[in-house]
Protein backbone atom coordinates (compact mmCIF):
# COMPACT_ATOMS: atom_id res chain seq x y z
CA MET A 1 -102.85 5.02 37.86
CA ILE A 2 -100.85 5.27 34.90
CA ASP A 3 -97.78 3.64 34.23
CA ARG A 4 -95.25 6.60 35.55
CA SER A 5 -92.61 5.01 32.84
CA LYS A 6 -94.68 6.60 30.13
CA ILE A 7 -93.93 10.03 31.83
CA ILE A 8 -90.78 11.33 30.35
CA GLU A 9 -88.97 14.61 30.86
CA HIS A 10 -89.62 17.62 28.84
CA MET A 11 -93.36 15.75 28.16
CA LYS A 12 -95.97 18.71 27.33
CA VAL A 13 -98.82 18.44 30.04
CA VAL A 14 -102.31 19.96 29.37
CA GLY A 15 -105.55 19.95 31.09
CA SER A 16 -108.73 17.79 30.10
CA ASP A 17 -109.70 20.99 28.23
CA GLY A 18 -106.50 20.50 25.70
CA GLN A 19 -104.95 23.78 27.34
CA HIS A 20 -101.09 23.84 28.47
CA VAL A 21 -100.41 23.72 31.96
CA GLY A 22 -96.90 23.16 31.92
CA THR A 23 -93.65 20.41 30.94
CA VAL A 24 -92.77 17.72 32.75
CA ASP A 25 -89.22 18.31 34.76
CA CYS A 26 -89.13 14.79 36.24
CA VAL A 27 -91.68 12.24 38.52
CA LYS A 28 -90.58 12.29 42.28
CA GLU A 29 -92.05 9.92 44.38
CA GLU A 30 -96.28 9.91 43.60
CA ASN A 31 -95.73 13.69 42.29
CA VAL A 32 -95.31 15.14 38.69
CA VAL A 33 -92.75 18.01 39.12
CA LEU A 34 -93.11 20.76 36.22
CA ALA A 35 -89.97 22.42 34.66
CA LYS A 36 -89.39 25.92 35.98
CA ASN A 37 -88.45 27.03 32.96
CA ASP A 38 -92.10 26.68 31.24
CA PRO A 39 -93.68 29.97 30.72
CA ALA A 40 -97.08 29.18 32.45
CA ALA A 41 -94.48 28.14 35.73
CA GLY A 42 -94.16 31.81 36.63
CA GLY A 43 -90.52 30.88 37.27
CA LYS A 44 -90.98 28.00 39.68
CA HIS A 45 -91.30 24.16 40.13
CA HIS A 46 -95.10 23.40 40.84
CA SER A 47 -95.92 19.65 40.74
CA PHE A 48 -99.28 17.34 41.39
CA PRO A 49 -100.41 13.92 42.13
CA LEU A 50 -99.92 11.21 39.62
CA ASP A 51 -103.65 10.47 40.29
CA TRP A 52 -104.56 13.79 38.23
CA VAL A 53 -103.32 12.12 35.21
CA SER A 54 -105.61 10.64 32.36
CA THR A 55 -103.60 9.73 29.43
CA ALA A 56 -100.04 9.66 28.45
CA ASP A 57 -99.48 9.28 25.19
CA ASP A 58 -98.66 11.52 21.48
CA GLY A 59 -96.17 13.54 23.43
CA LYS A 60 -98.66 14.95 25.98
CA LEU A 61 -99.85 14.02 29.47
CA ARG A 62 -103.57 14.72 29.57
CA LEU A 63 -104.99 15.76 33.45
CA ASN A 64 -108.37 14.77 34.18
CA LYS A 65 -108.53 18.51 35.44
CA THR A 66 -108.73 21.65 33.24
CA ALA A 67 -105.63 23.38 32.76
CA ASP A 68 -107.53 26.31 35.34
CA ILE A 69 -107.95 23.76 37.80
CA ALA A 70 -105.06 22.22 37.76
CA LYS A 71 -103.27 25.64 38.50
CA GLN A 72 -105.43 26.63 40.96
CA ASN A 73 -104.44 23.28 42.91
CA TRP A 74 -100.82 22.50 42.14
CA PHE A 75 -98.27 22.31 44.61
CA ASP A 76 -95.02 24.45 45.01
CA ALA A 77 -92.54 22.28 44.64
CA GLU A 78 -89.53 24.82 45.63
CA PRO A 79 -87.61 24.34 48.49
CA GLY A 80 -89.28 25.66 51.44
CA GLY A 81 -92.52 25.52 49.61
CA GLU A 82 -95.98 23.82 50.60
CA ALA A 83 -95.56 20.58 53.09
CA ARG A 84 -97.36 18.22 50.16
CA ALA A 85 -94.53 19.66 47.94
CA ALA A 86 -92.52 16.68 46.21
CA PRO A 87 -89.15 17.41 45.86
CA VAL A 88 -87.17 19.10 42.99
CA CYS A 89 -85.80 17.10 40.40
CA PRO A 90 -81.98 16.56 40.35
């Protein structure tokens, strides 16, 4: 698994296809929470498990899934969202 200390706030997140997924807000528990103000977020926080991350370098977090697959399977991290959702960042 990726060293979570390499994942920093405002880091760009891209799929394995290089397409934009979002922007890191924080890491909570075993999930990466994406910023809700990113254009791809639709005004909501979303999260995904750390095991989706393949690399974190050059200012980008690259996933082991395409951007489309990641967006189809990410979790709603808003209060009252899906049961597996990570809490929103402070």
